[in-house]
Amino acid sequence: EERDRLMAALKIAGLDLGMRKGIEFCKT
């Protein structure tokens, strides 16, 4: 369960980072 929680946390962080990079891309 601890591993599963971290994997979910990493996906959330990845979504956040991916959206921020997409916003930067479109700003440019």
mmCIF file of all heavy atoms, coordinates in Angstrom:
data_MODEL
# 
_entry.id   MODEL 
# 
loop_
_atom_site.group_PDB 
_atom_site.id 
_atom_site.type_symbol 
_atom_site.label_atom_id 
_atom_site.label_alt_id 
_atom_site.label_comp_id 
_atom_site.label_asym_id 
_atom_site.label_entity_id 
_atom_site.label_seq_id 
_atom_site.pdbx_PDB_ins_code 
_atom_site.Cartn_x 
_atom_site.Cartn_y 
_atom_site.Cartn_z 
_atom_site.occupancy 
_atom_site.B_iso_or_equiv 
_atom_site.pdbx_formal_charge 
_atom_site.auth_seq_id 
_atom_site.auth_comp_id 
_atom_site.auth_asym_id 
_atom_site.auth_atom_id 
_atom_site.pdbx_PDB_model_num 
ATOM 1   N N   . GLU A 1 1  ? 0.825  -1.205 0.000   1.00 0.00 ? 1  GLU A N   1 
ATOM 2   C CA  . GLU A 1 1  ? 0.000  0.000  0.000   1.00 0.00 ? 1  GLU A CA  1 
ATOM 3   C C   . GLU A 1 1  ? 0.863  1.260  0.000   1.00 0.00 ? 1  GLU A C   1 
ATOM 4   O O   . GLU A 1 1  ? 0.524  2.250  -0.650  1.00 0.00 ? 1  GLU A O   1 
ATOM 5   C CB  . GLU A 1 1  ? -0.956 0.008  1.199   1.00 0.00 ? 1  GLU A CB  1 
ATOM 6   C CG  . GLU A 1 1  ? -2.063 -1.027 1.120   1.00 0.00 ? 1  GLU A CG  1 
ATOM 7   C CD  . GLU A 1 1  ? -1.623 -2.438 1.527   1.00 0.00 ? 1  GLU A CD  1 
ATOM 8   O OE1 . GLU A 1 1  ? -0.547 -2.597 2.176   1.00 0.00 ? 1  GLU A OE1 1 
ATOM 9   O OE2 . GLU A 1 1  ? -2.326 -3.395 1.174   1.00 0.00 ? 1  GLU A OE2 1 
ATOM 10  N N   . GLU A 1 2  ? 1.981  1.232  0.731   1.00 0.00 ? 2  GLU A N   1 
ATOM 11  C CA  . GLU A 1 2  ? 2.888  2.386  0.740   1.00 0.00 ? 2  GLU A CA  1 
ATOM 12  C C   . GLU A 1 2  ? 3.438  2.636  -0.668  1.00 0.00 ? 2  GLU A C   1 
ATOM 13  O O   . GLU A 1 2  ? 3.505  3.773  -1.127  1.00 0.00 ? 2  GLU A O   1 
ATOM 14  C CB  . GLU A 1 2  ? 4.049  2.167  1.716   1.00 0.00 ? 2  GLU A CB  1 
ATOM 15  C CG  . GLU A 1 2  ? 3.664  2.271  3.161   1.00 0.00 ? 2  GLU A CG  1 
ATOM 16  C CD  . GLU A 1 2  ? 4.852  2.069  4.097   1.00 0.00 ? 2  GLU A CD  1 
ATOM 17  O OE1 . GLU A 1 2  ? 5.980  1.808  3.633   1.00 0.00 ? 2  GLU A OE1 1 
ATOM 18  O OE2 . GLU A 1 2  ? 4.642  2.181  5.316   1.00 0.00 ? 2  GLU A OE2 1 
ATOM 19  N N   . ARG A 1 3  ? 3.820  1.572  -1.351  1.00 0.00 ? 3  ARG A N   1 
ATOM 20  C CA  . ARG A 1 3  ? 4.322  1.705  -2.718  1.00 0.00 ? 3  ARG A CA  1 
ATOM 21  C C   . ARG A 1 3  ? 3.236  2.265  -3.630  1.00 0.00 ? 3  ARG A C   1 
ATOM 22  O O   . ARG A 1 3  ? 3.487  3.164  -4.430  1.00 0.00 ? 3  ARG A O   1 
ATOM 23  C CB  . ARG A 1 3  ? 4.804  0.348  -3.245  1.00 0.00 ? 3  ARG A CB  1 
ATOM 24  C CG  . ARG A 1 3  ? 5.346  0.416  -4.653  1.00 0.00 ? 3  ARG A CG  1 
ATOM 25  C CD  . ARG A 1 3  ? 5.480  -0.989 -5.270  1.00 0.00 ? 3  ARG A CD  1 
ATOM 26  N NE  . ARG A 1 3  ? 5.824  -0.900 -6.659  1.00 0.00 ? 3  ARG A NE  1 
ATOM 27  C CZ  . ARG A 1 3  ? 4.980  -0.597 -7.643  1.00 0.00 ? 3  ARG A CZ  1 
ATOM 28  N NH1 . ARG A 1 3  ? 3.719  -0.328 -7.384  1.00 0.00 ? 3  ARG A NH1 1 
ATOM 29  N NH2 . ARG A 1 3  ? 5.377  -0.544 -8.889  1.00 0.00 ? 3  ARG A NH2 1 
ATOM 30  N N   . ASP A 1 4  ? 2.022  1.748  -3.514  1.00 0.00 ? 4  ASP A N   1 
ATOM 31  C CA  . ASP A 1 4  ? 0.908  2.218  -4.346  1.00 0.00 ? 4  ASP A CA  1 
ATOM 32  C C   . ASP A 1 4  ? 0.626  3.701  -4.106  1.00 0.00 ? 4  ASP A C   1 
ATOM 33  O O   . ASP A 1 4  ? 0.331  4.440  -5.048  1.00 0.00 ? 4  ASP A O   1 
ATOM 34  C CB  . ASP A 1 4  ? -0.353 1.396  -4.079  1.00 0.00 ? 4  ASP A CB  1 
ATOM 35  C CG  . ASP A 1 4  ? -0.213 -0.052 -4.533  1.00 0.00 ? 4  ASP A CG  1 
ATOM 36  O OD1 . ASP A 1 4  ? 0.729  -0.371 -5.290  1.00 0.00 ? 4  ASP A OD1 1 
ATOM 37  O OD2 . ASP A 1 4  ? -1.057 -0.886 -4.108  1.00 0.00 ? 4  ASP A OD2 1 
ATOM 38  N N   . ARG A 1 5  ? 0.700  4.124  -2.848  1.00 0.00 ? 5  ARG A N   1 
ATOM 39  C CA  . ARG A 1 5  ? 0.472  5.547  -2.538  1.00 0.00 ? 5  ARG A CA  1 
ATOM 40  C C   . ARG A 1 5  ? 1.538  6.413  -3.205  1.00 0.00 ? 5  ARG A C   1 
ATOM 41  O O   . ARG A 1 5  ? 1.231  7.473  -3.745  1.00 0.00 ? 5  ARG A O   1 
ATOM 42  C CB  . ARG A 1 5  ? 0.484  5.771  -1.026  1.00 0.00 ? 5  ARG A CB  1 
ATOM 43  C CG  . ARG A 1 5  ? -0.738 5.212  -0.319  1.00 0.00 ? 5  ARG A CG  1 
ATOM 44  C CD  . ARG A 1 5  ? -0.715 5.521  1.157   1.00 0.00 ? 5  ARG A CD  1 
ATOM 45  N NE  . ARG A 1 5  ? -1.011 6.942  1.338   1.00 0.00 ? 5  ARG A NE  1 
ATOM 46  C CZ  . ARG A 1 5  ? -0.642 7.642  2.391   1.00 0.00 ? 5  ARG A CZ  1 
ATOM 47  N NH1 . ARG A 1 5  ? 0.054  7.096  3.361   1.00 0.00 ? 5  ARG A NH1 1 
ATOM 48  N NH2 . ARG A 1 5  ? -0.961 8.917  2.488   1.00 0.00 ? 5  ARG A NH2 1 
ATOM 49  N N   . LEU A 1 6  ? 2.800  5.976  -3.145  1.00 0.00 ? 6  LEU A N   1 
ATOM 50  C CA  . LEU A 1 6  ? 3.855  6.770  -3.779  1.00 0.00 ? 6  LEU A CA  1 
ATOM 51  C C   . LEU A 1 6  ? 3.673  6.800  -5.290  1.00 0.00 ? 6  LEU A C   1 
ATOM 52  O O   . LEU A 1 6  ? 3.849  7.849  -5.915  1.00 0.00 ? 6  LEU A O   1 
ATOM 53  C CB  . LEU A 1 6  ? 5.248  6.247  -3.422  1.00 0.00 ? 6  LEU A CB  1 
ATOM 54  C CG  . LEU A 1 6  ? 6.386  7.038  -4.076  1.00 0.00 ? 6  LEU A CG  1 
ATOM 55  C CD1 . LEU A 1 6  ? 6.392  8.503  -3.621  1.00 0.00 ? 6  LEU A CD1 1 
ATOM 56  C CD2 . LEU A 1 6  ? 7.729  6.378  -3.804  1.00 0.00 ? 6  LEU A CD2 1 
ATOM 57  N N   . MET A 1 7  ? 3.299  5.674  -5.897  1.00 0.00 ? 7  MET A N   1 
ATOM 58  C CA  . MET A 1 7  ? 3.096  5.663  -7.351  1.00 0.00 ? 7  MET A CA  1 
ATOM 59  C C   . MET A 1 7  ? 1.980  6.632  -7.742  1.00 0.00 ? 7  MET A C   1 
ATOM 60  O O   . MET A 1 7  ? 2.088  7.366  -8.722  1.00 0.00 ? 7  MET A O   1 
ATOM 61  C CB  . MET A 1 7  ? 2.780  4.251  -7.853  1.00 0.00 ? 7  MET A CB  1 
ATOM 62  C CG  . MET A 1 7  ? 3.918  3.246  -7.682  1.00 0.00 ? 7  MET A CG  1 
ATOM 63  S SD  . MET A 1 7  ? 5.470  3.735  -8.463  1.00 0.00 ? 7  MET A SD  1 
ATOM 64  C CE  . MET A 1 7  ? 6.445  4.156  -7.037  1.00 0.00 ? 7  MET A CE  1 
ATOM 65  N N   . ALA A 1 8  ? 0.905  6.668  -6.955  1.00 0.00 ? 8  ALA A N   1 
ATOM 66  C CA  . ALA A 1 8  ? -0.180 7.621  -7.219  1.00 0.00 ? 8  ALA A CA  1 
ATOM 67  C C   . ALA A 1 8  ? 0.324  9.052  -7.037  1.00 0.00 ? 8  ALA A C   1 
ATOM 68  O O   . ALA A 1 8  ? 0.006  9.944  -7.838  1.00 0.00 ? 8  ALA A O   1 
ATOM 69  C CB  . ALA A 1 8  ? -1.366 7.349  -6.300  1.00 0.00 ? 8  ALA A CB  1 
ATOM 70  N N   . ALA A 1 9  ? 1.118  9.280  -5.998  1.00 0.00 ? 9  ALA A N   1 
ATOM 71  C CA  . ALA A 1 9  ? 1.676  10.618 -5.748  1.00 0.00 ? 9  ALA A CA  1 
ATOM 72  C C   . ALA A 1 9  ? 2.557  11.072 -6.908  1.00 0.00 ? 9  ALA A C   1 
ATOM 73  O O   . ALA A 1 9  ? 2.509  12.229 -7.326  1.00 0.00 ? 9  ALA A O   1 
ATOM 74  C CB  . ALA A 1 9  ? 2.475  10.617 -4.445  1.00 0.00 ? 9  ALA A CB  1 
ATOM 75  N N   . LEU A 1 10 ? 3.344  10.154 -7.446  1.00 0.00 ? 10 LEU A N   1 
ATOM 76  C CA  . LEU A 1 10 ? 4.220  10.501 -8.571  1.00 0.00 ? 10 LEU A CA  1 
ATOM 77  C C   . LEU A 1 10 ? 3.406  10.828 -9.826  1.00 0.00 ? 10 LEU A C   1 
ATOM 78  O O   . LEU A 1 10 ? 3.779  11.709 -10.598 1.00 0.00 ? 10 LEU A O   1 
ATOM 79  C CB  . LEU A 1 10 ? 5.213  9.371  -8.838  1.00 0.00 ? 10 LEU A CB  1 
ATOM 80  C CG  . LEU A 1 10 ? 6.261  9.179  -7.746  1.00 0.00 ? 10 LEU A CG  1 
ATOM 81  C CD1 . LEU A 1 10 ? 7.018  7.868  -7.951  1.00 0.00 ? 10 LEU A CD1 1 
ATOM 82  C CD2 . LEU A 1 10 ? 7.210  10.353 -7.690  1.00 0.00 ? 10 LEU A CD2 1 
ATOM 83  N N   . LYS A 1 11 ? 2.304  10.142 -10.016 1.00 0.00 ? 11 LYS A N   1 
ATOM 84  C CA  . LYS A 1 11 ? 1.438  10.459 -11.161 1.00 0.00 ? 11 LYS A CA  1 
ATOM 85  C C   . LYS A 1 11 ? 0.829  11.848 -11.010 1.00 0.00 ? 11 LYS A C   1 
ATOM 86  O O   . LYS A 1 11 ? 0.745  12.603 -11.971 1.00 0.00 ? 11 LYS A O   1 
ATOM 87  C CB  . LYS A 1 11 ? 0.342  9.400  -11.321 1.00 0.00 ? 11 LYS A CB  1 
ATOM 88  C CG  . LYS A 1 11 ? 0.882  8.081  -11.835 1.00 0.00 ? 11 LYS A CG  1 
ATOM 89  C CD  . LYS A 1 11 ? -0.218 7.042  -11.941 1.00 0.00 ? 11 LYS A CD  1 
ATOM 90  C CE  . LYS A 1 11 ? 0.329  5.706  -12.402 1.00 0.00 ? 11 LYS A CE  1 
ATOM 91  N NZ  . LYS A 1 11 ? -0.712 4.673  -12.489 1.00 0.00 ? 11 LYS A NZ  1 
ATOM 92  N N   . ILE A 1 12 ? 0.400  12.191 -9.785  1.00 0.00 ? 12 ILE A N   1 
ATOM 93  C CA  . ILE A 1 12 ? -0.147 13.525 -9.549  1.00 0.00 ? 12 ILE A CA  1 
ATOM 94  C C   . ILE A 1 12 ? 0.920  14.581 -9.827  1.00 0.00 ? 12 ILE A C   1 
ATOM 95  O O   . ILE A 1 12 ? 0.659  15.586 -10.496 1.00 0.00 ? 12 ILE A O   1 
ATOM 96  C CB  . ILE A 1 12 ? -0.698 13.646 -8.112  1.00 0.00 ? 12 ILE A CB  1 
ATOM 97  C CG1 . ILE A 1 12 ? -1.971 12.798 -7.974  1.00 0.00 ? 12 ILE A CG1 1 
ATOM 98  C CG2 . ILE A 1 12 ? -0.967 15.103 -7.745  1.00 0.00 ? 12 ILE A CG2 1 
ATOM 99  C CD1 . ILE A 1 12 ? -2.477 12.653 -6.550  1.00 0.00 ? 12 ILE A CD1 1 
ATOM 100 N N   . ALA A 1 13 ? 2.129  14.361 -9.324  1.00 0.00 ? 13 ALA A N   1 
ATOM 101 C CA  . ALA A 1 13 ? 3.226  15.307 -9.569  1.00 0.00 ? 13 ALA A CA  1 
ATOM 102 C C   . ALA A 1 13 ? 3.526  15.414 -11.058 1.00 0.00 ? 13 ALA A C   1 
ATOM 103 O O   . ALA A 1 13 ? 3.803  16.503 -11.570 1.00 0.00 ? 13 ALA A O   1 
ATOM 104 C CB  . ALA A 1 13 ? 4.477  14.878 -8.800  1.00 0.00 ? 13 ALA A CB  1 
ATOM 105 N N   . GLY A 1 14 ? 3.449  14.301 -11.762 1.00 0.00 ? 14 GLY A N   1 
ATOM 106 C CA  . GLY A 1 14 ? 3.684  14.311 -13.208 1.00 0.00 ? 14 GLY A CA  1 
ATOM 107 C C   . GLY A 1 14 ? 2.621  15.076 -13.970 1.00 0.00 ? 14 GLY A C   1 
ATOM 108 O O   . GLY A 1 14 ? 2.928  15.814 -14.908 1.00 0.00 ? 14 GLY A O   1 
ATOM 109 N N   . LEU A 1 15 ? 1.361  14.908 -13.556 1.00 0.00 ? 15 LEU A N   1 
ATOM 110 C CA  . LEU A 1 15 ? 0.287  15.686 -14.177 1.00 0.00 ? 15 LEU A CA  1 
ATOM 111 C C   . LEU A 1 15 ? 0.525  17.175 -13.973 1.00 0.00 ? 15 LEU A C   1 
ATOM 112 O O   . LEU A 1 15 ? 0.398  17.976 -14.902 1.00 0.00 ? 15 LEU A O   1 
ATOM 113 C CB  . LEU A 1 15 ? -1.068 15.304 -13.582 1.00 0.00 ? 15 LEU A CB  1 
ATOM 114 C CG  . LEU A 1 15 ? -1.701 14.018 -14.059 1.00 0.00 ? 15 LEU A CG  1 
ATOM 115 C CD1 . LEU A 1 15 ? -2.915 13.672 -13.204 1.00 0.00 ? 15 LEU A CD1 1 
ATOM 116 C CD2 . LEU A 1 15 ? -2.092 14.123 -15.519 1.00 0.00 ? 15 LEU A CD2 1 
ATOM 117 N N   . ASP A 1 16 ? 0.870  17.542 -12.751 1.00 0.00 ? 16 ASP A N   1 
ATOM 118 C CA  . ASP A 1 16 ? 1.112  18.945 -12.433 1.00 0.00 ? 16 ASP A CA  1 
ATOM 119 C C   . ASP A 1 16 ? 2.251  19.502 -13.289 1.00 0.00 ? 16 ASP A C   1 
ATOM 120 O O   . ASP A 1 16 ? 2.105  20.554 -13.919 1.00 0.00 ? 16 ASP A O   1 
ATOM 121 C CB  . ASP A 1 16 ? 1.428  19.090 -10.943 1.00 0.00 ? 16 ASP A CB  1 
ATOM 122 C CG  . ASP A 1 16 ? 1.489  20.539 -10.507 1.00 0.00 ? 16 ASP A CG  1 
ATOM 123 O OD1 . ASP A 1 16 ? 0.428  21.124 -10.244 1.00 0.00 ? 16 ASP A OD1 1 
ATOM 124 O OD2 . ASP A 1 16 ? 2.605  21.080 -10.440 1.00 0.00 ? 16 ASP A OD2 1 
ATOM 125 N N   . LEU A 1 17 ? 3.352  18.794 -13.318 1.00 0.00 ? 17 LEU A N   1 
ATOM 126 C CA  . LEU A 1 17 ? 4.508  19.255 -14.084 1.00 0.00 ? 17 LEU A CA  1 
ATOM 127 C C   . LEU A 1 17 ? 4.187  19.310 -15.579 1.00 0.00 ? 17 LEU A C   1 
ATOM 128 O O   . LEU A 1 17 ? 4.548  20.271 -16.260 1.00 0.00 ? 17 LEU A O   1 
ATOM 129 C CB  . LEU A 1 17 ? 5.704  18.341 -13.822 1.00 0.00 ? 17 LEU A CB  1 
ATOM 130 C CG  . LEU A 1 17 ? 7.025  18.734 -14.456 1.00 0.00 ? 17 LEU A CG  1 
ATOM 131 C CD1 . LEU A 1 17 ? 7.451  20.138 -14.031 1.00 0.00 ? 17 LEU A CD1 1 
ATOM 132 C CD2 . LEU A 1 17 ? 8.100  17.720 -14.082 1.00 0.00 ? 17 LEU A CD2 1 
ATOM 133 N N   . GLY A 1 18 ? 3.493  18.304 -16.081 1.00 0.00 ? 18 GLY A N   1 
ATOM 134 C CA  . GLY A 1 18 ? 3.132  18.288 -17.496 1.00 0.00 ? 18 GLY A CA  1 
ATOM 135 C C   . GLY A 1 18 ? 2.238  19.458 -17.887 1.00 0.00 ? 18 GLY A C   1 
ATOM 136 O O   . GLY A 1 18 ? 2.439  20.092 -18.926 1.00 0.00 ? 18 GLY A O   1 
ATOM 137 N N   . MET A 1 19 ? 1.266  19.772 -17.025 1.00 0.00 ? 19 MET A N   1 
ATOM 138 C CA  . MET A 1 19 ? 0.390  20.908 -17.331 1.00 0.00 ? 19 MET A CA  1 
ATOM 139 C C   . MET A 1 19 ? 1.159  22.228 -17.278 1.00 0.00 ? 19 MET A C   1 
ATOM 140 O O   . MET A 1 19 ? 0.969  23.096 -18.122 1.00 0.00 ? 19 MET A O   1 
ATOM 141 C CB  . MET A 1 19 ? -0.802 20.935 -16.378 1.00 0.00 ? 19 MET A CB  1 
ATOM 142 C CG  . MET A 1 19 ? -1.844 19.884 -16.726 1.00 0.00 ? 19 MET A CG  1 
ATOM 143 S SD  . MET A 1 19 ? -3.353 20.021 -15.739 1.00 0.00 ? 19 MET A SD  1 
ATOM 144 C CE  . MET A 1 19 ? -2.866 19.150 -14.256 1.00 0.00 ? 19 MET A CE  1 
ATOM 145 N N   . ARG A 1 20 ? 2.049  22.363 -16.290 1.00 0.00 ? 20 ARG A N   1 
ATOM 146 C CA  . ARG A 1 20 ? 2.832  23.605 -16.198 1.00 0.00 ? 20 ARG A CA  1 
ATOM 147 C C   . ARG A 1 20 ? 3.737  23.775 -17.422 1.00 0.00 ? 20 ARG A C   1 
ATOM 148 O O   . ARG A 1 20 ? 3.868  24.884 -17.948 1.00 0.00 ? 20 ARG A O   1 
ATOM 149 C CB  . ARG A 1 20 ? 3.645  23.635 -14.898 1.00 0.00 ? 20 ARG A CB  1 
ATOM 150 C CG  . ARG A 1 20 ? 2.759  23.921 -13.692 1.00 0.00 ? 20 ARG A CG  1 
ATOM 151 C CD  . ARG A 1 20 ? 3.540  24.146 -12.414 1.00 0.00 ? 20 ARG A CD  1 
ATOM 152 N NE  . ARG A 1 20 ? 4.051  22.871 -11.920 1.00 0.00 ? 20 ARG A NE  1 
ATOM 153 C CZ  . ARG A 1 20 ? 5.320  22.648 -11.586 1.00 0.00 ? 20 ARG A CZ  1 
ATOM 154 N NH1 . ARG A 1 20 ? 6.219  23.583 -11.661 1.00 0.00 ? 20 ARG A NH1 1 
ATOM 155 N NH2 . ARG A 1 20 ? 5.688  21.461 -11.147 1.00 0.00 ? 20 ARG A NH2 1 
ATOM 156 N N   . LYS A 1 21 ? 4.332  22.689 -17.896 1.00 0.00 ? 21 LYS A N   1 
ATOM 157 C CA  . LYS A 1 21 ? 5.189  22.787 -19.088 1.00 0.00 ? 21 LYS A CA  1 
ATOM 158 C C   . LYS A 1 21 ? 4.339  23.107 -20.322 1.00 0.00 ? 21 LYS A C   1 
ATOM 159 O O   . LYS A 1 21 ? 4.767  23.860 -21.191 1.00 0.00 ? 21 LYS A O   1 
ATOM 160 C CB  . LYS A 1 21 ? 5.988  21.499 -19.305 1.00 0.00 ? 21 LYS A CB  1 
ATOM 161 C CG  . LYS A 1 21 ? 7.049  21.229 -18.260 1.00 0.00 ? 21 LYS A CG  1 
ATOM 162 C CD  . LYS A 1 21 ? 7.992  22.380 -18.039 1.00 0.00 ? 21 LYS A CD  1 
ATOM 163 C CE  . LYS A 1 21 ? 8.902  22.659 -19.202 1.00 0.00 ? 21 LYS A CE  1 
ATOM 164 N NZ  . LYS A 1 21 ? 9.833  23.773 -18.968 1.00 0.00 ? 21 LYS A NZ  1 
ATOM 165 N N   . GLY A 1 22 ? 3.148  22.546 -20.416 1.00 0.00 ? 22 GLY A N   1 
ATOM 166 C CA  . GLY A 1 22 ? 2.255  22.867 -21.524 1.00 0.00 ? 22 GLY A CA  1 
ATOM 167 C C   . GLY A 1 22 ? 1.851  24.330 -21.516 1.00 0.00 ? 22 GLY A C   1 
ATOM 168 O O   . GLY A 1 22 ? 1.780  24.982 -22.561 1.00 0.00 ? 22 GLY A O   1 
ATOM 169 N N   . ILE A 1 23 ? 1.596  24.877 -20.328 1.00 0.00 ? 23 ILE A N   1 
ATOM 170 C CA  . ILE A 1 23 ? 1.258  26.300 -20.201 1.00 0.00 ? 23 ILE A CA  1 
ATOM 171 C C   . ILE A 1 23 ? 2.436  27.149 -20.649 1.00 0.00 ? 23 ILE A C   1 
ATOM 172 O O   . ILE A 1 23 ? 2.272  28.108 -21.411 1.00 0.00 ? 23 ILE A O   1 
ATOM 173 C CB  . ILE A 1 23 ? 0.826  26.639 -18.756 1.00 0.00 ? 23 ILE A CB  1 
ATOM 174 C CG1 . ILE A 1 23 ? -0.555 26.029 -18.478 1.00 0.00 ? 23 ILE A CG1 1 
ATOM 175 C CG2 . ILE A 1 23 ? 0.813  28.141 -18.520 1.00 0.00 ? 23 ILE A CG2 1 
ATOM 176 C CD1 . ILE A 1 23 ? -0.948 26.040 -17.006 1.00 0.00 ? 23 ILE A CD1 1 
ATOM 177 N N   . GLU A 1 24 ? 3.637  26.793 -20.200 1.00 0.00 ? 24 GLU A N   1 
ATOM 178 C CA  . GLU A 1 24 ? 4.840  27.535 -20.627 1.00 0.00 ? 24 GLU A CA  1 
ATOM 179 C C   . GLU A 1 24 ? 4.984  27.491 -22.149 1.00 0.00 ? 24 GLU A C   1 
ATOM 180 O O   . GLU A 1 24 ? 5.300  28.498 -22.778 1.00 0.00 ? 24 GLU A O   1 
ATOM 181 C CB  . GLU A 1 24 ? 6.097  26.939 -19.989 1.00 0.00 ? 24 GLU A CB  1 
ATOM 182 C CG  . GLU A 1 24 ? 6.278  27.262 -18.542 1.00 0.00 ? 24 GLU A CG  1 
ATOM 183 C CD  . GLU A 1 24 ? 7.517  26.588 -17.960 1.00 0.00 ? 24 GLU A CD  1 
ATOM 184 O OE1 . GLU A 1 24 ? 8.471  26.289 -18.720 1.00 0.00 ? 24 GLU A OE1 1 
ATOM 185 O OE2 . GLU A 1 24 ? 7.525  26.337 -16.744 1.00 0.00 ? 24 GLU A OE2 1 
ATOM 186 N N   . PHE A 1 25 ? 4.754  26.321 -22.720 1.00 0.00 ? 25 PHE A N   1 
ATOM 187 C CA  . PHE A 1 25 ? 4.867  26.159 -24.163 1.00 0.00 ? 25 PHE A CA  1 
ATOM 188 C C   . PHE A 1 25 ? 3.890  27.092 -24.876 1.00 0.00 ? 25 PHE A C   1 
ATOM 189 O O   . PHE A 1 25 ? 4.259  27.810 -25.814 1.00 0.00 ? 25 PHE A O   1 
ATOM 190 C CB  . PHE A 1 25 ? 4.592  24.703 -24.557 1.00 0.00 ? 25 PHE A CB  1 
ATOM 191 C CG  . PHE A 1 25 ? 4.676  24.459 -26.033 1.00 0.00 ? 25 PHE A CG  1 
ATOM 192 C CD1 . PHE A 1 25 ? 5.885  24.157 -26.631 1.00 0.00 ? 25 PHE A CD1 1 
ATOM 193 C CD2 . PHE A 1 25 ? 3.547  24.538 -26.830 1.00 0.00 ? 25 PHE A CD2 1 
ATOM 194 C CE1 . PHE A 1 25 ? 5.973  23.937 -27.999 1.00 0.00 ? 25 PHE A CE1 1 
ATOM 195 C CE2 . PHE A 1 25 ? 3.617  24.321 -28.196 1.00 0.00 ? 25 PHE A CE2 1 
ATOM 196 C CZ  . PHE A 1 25 ? 4.838  24.016 -28.781 1.00 0.00 ? 25 PHE A CZ  1 
ATOM 197 N N   . CYS A 1 26 ? 2.641  27.097 -24.434 1.00 0.00 ? 26 CYS A N   1 
ATOM 198 C CA  . CYS A 1 26 ? 1.638  27.937 -25.086 1.00 0.00 ? 26 CYS A CA  1 
ATOM 199 C C   . CYS A 1 26 ? 1.884  29.422 -24.832 1.00 0.00 ? 26 CYS A C   1 
ATOM 200 O O   . CYS A 1 26 ? 1.583  30.246 -25.697 1.00 0.00 ? 26 CYS A O   1 
ATOM 201 C CB  . CYS A 1 26 ? 0.236  27.515 -24.665 1.00 0.00 ? 26 CYS A CB  1 
ATOM 202 S SG  . CYS A 1 26 ? -0.254 25.917 -25.396 1.00 0.00 ? 26 CYS A SG  1 
ATOM 203 N N   . LYS A 1 27 ? 2.439  29.779 -23.692 1.00 0.00 ? 27 LYS A N   1 
ATOM 204 C CA  . LYS A 1 27 ? 2.795  31.183 -23.452 1.00 0.00 ? 27 LYS A CA  1 
ATOM 205 C C   . LYS A 1 27 ? 3.822  31.647 -24.479 1.00 0.00 ? 27 LYS A C   1 
ATOM 206 O O   . LYS A 1 27 ? 3.773  32.786 -24.946 1.00 0.00 ? 27 LYS A O   1 
ATOM 207 C CB  . LYS A 1 27 ? 3.361  31.374 -22.044 1.00 0.00 ? 27 LYS A CB  1 
ATOM 208 C CG  . LYS A 1 27 ? 2.308  31.464 -20.975 1.00 0.00 ? 27 LYS A CG  1 
ATOM 209 C CD  . LYS A 1 27 ? 2.934  31.715 -19.612 1.00 0.00 ? 27 LYS A CD  1 
ATOM 210 C CE  . LYS A 1 27 ? 1.851  31.839 -18.559 1.00 0.00 ? 27 LYS A CE  1 
ATOM 211 N NZ  . LYS A 1 27 ? 2.412  32.037 -17.214 1.00 0.00 ? 27 LYS A NZ  1 
ATOM 212 N N   . THR A 1 28 ? 4.720  30.757 -24.844 1.00 0.00 ? 28 THR A N   1 
ATOM 213 C CA  . THR A 1 28 ? 5.772  31.085 -25.804 1.00 0.00 ? 28 THR A CA  1 
ATOM 214 C C   . THR A 1 28 ? 5.257  31.062 -27.241 1.00 0.00 ? 28 THR A C   1 
ATOM 215 O O   . THR A 1 28 ? 5.621  31.906 -28.049 1.00 0.00 ? 28 THR A O   1 
ATOM 216 C CB  . THR A 1 28 ? 6.943  30.079 -25.679 1.00 0.00 ? 28 THR A CB  1 
ATOM 217 O OG1 . THR A 1 28 ? 7.432  30.132 -24.341 1.00 0.00 ? 28 THR A OG1 1 
ATOM 218 C CG2 . THR A 1 28 ? 8.051  30.402 -26.650 1.00 0.00 ? 28 THR A CG2 1 
# 
